[in-house]
Every structure is written in C-alpha cells, then in structure tokens.
Amino acid sequence: TNSNPGRSAVTYCTPVGYGEYLGKRVTKVLLEPSSGRRHQLRVHLLTAGFPIVGDATYALDSELGPDDPSTPPRMFLHAWNLLIKLPAPIGLRLFETEDPFKDFVELSASPPADVS
C-alpha cells in the first residue's frame, strides 16, 4: 500500500506451457524469485491476475471449500530444482525432481489461438 510499501521483491516469470485444468485455462510458468519474501510468488502471480491453482489462501480455490470436487488436491506450486550451498566438504548440491502435476494437466508449447 502507499502508506506501507513494505520491502521490495522481484519475481521473474517465464511461461513454459499452456493447457486446461478442470475446463479452465492454465499456464505453467518458471518462477525465479530474486528475493525471498514470504508468499512472494503467490502474491506476485495473484497481483498479475494469475493465481496459482490450488492456492487455498489467495486463489478462487479458497472460496470453493475442501469438499468441492473442483478443489485441486494441493497447490500447484513446486520447486523442480534447488541449488543449495552446504558446508565444506560438501559444497554446492543440486536437487531435482519430476513434475508432480504432469498427470493433472496436459500442456502444449503455445497458448490457445484466441489468447493474445
């Protein structure tokens, strides 16, 4: 807000795929935060008009309730890799995992034709 601007936070967002989830358009994105603020990714995407699917706090899913069949089983936010600097002698370690949402959303490389 103007009276309390908070601390700055920047998130870089790159679309990597487009599809549908339960009849609604979704975009898979690569998010790269340059800072580490609480809820940063969730708030930035919501502010841009693209809430995270399954976000029970910031997205429409919070209004559906846990018993609604349209409510996703979890928030569709997932770190696919983490690079962590550990103490010597271990040093840098890269951890990677598969996409846990590949069975929920079939993606294409380009957006639907009627989206500009």
Foldseek 3Di string as FASTA:
>chain_A
DVVDPDDDWDKDKDFFWWWDFPRHIATDIDIDIPDDDVCVVQVVCVVVVHHWQQPLPRDPLVVQDPVRPSRDPHTQDDDQKDWDADDPPVGTDIDGDDRPCCVRTDTDRDYDPPDD
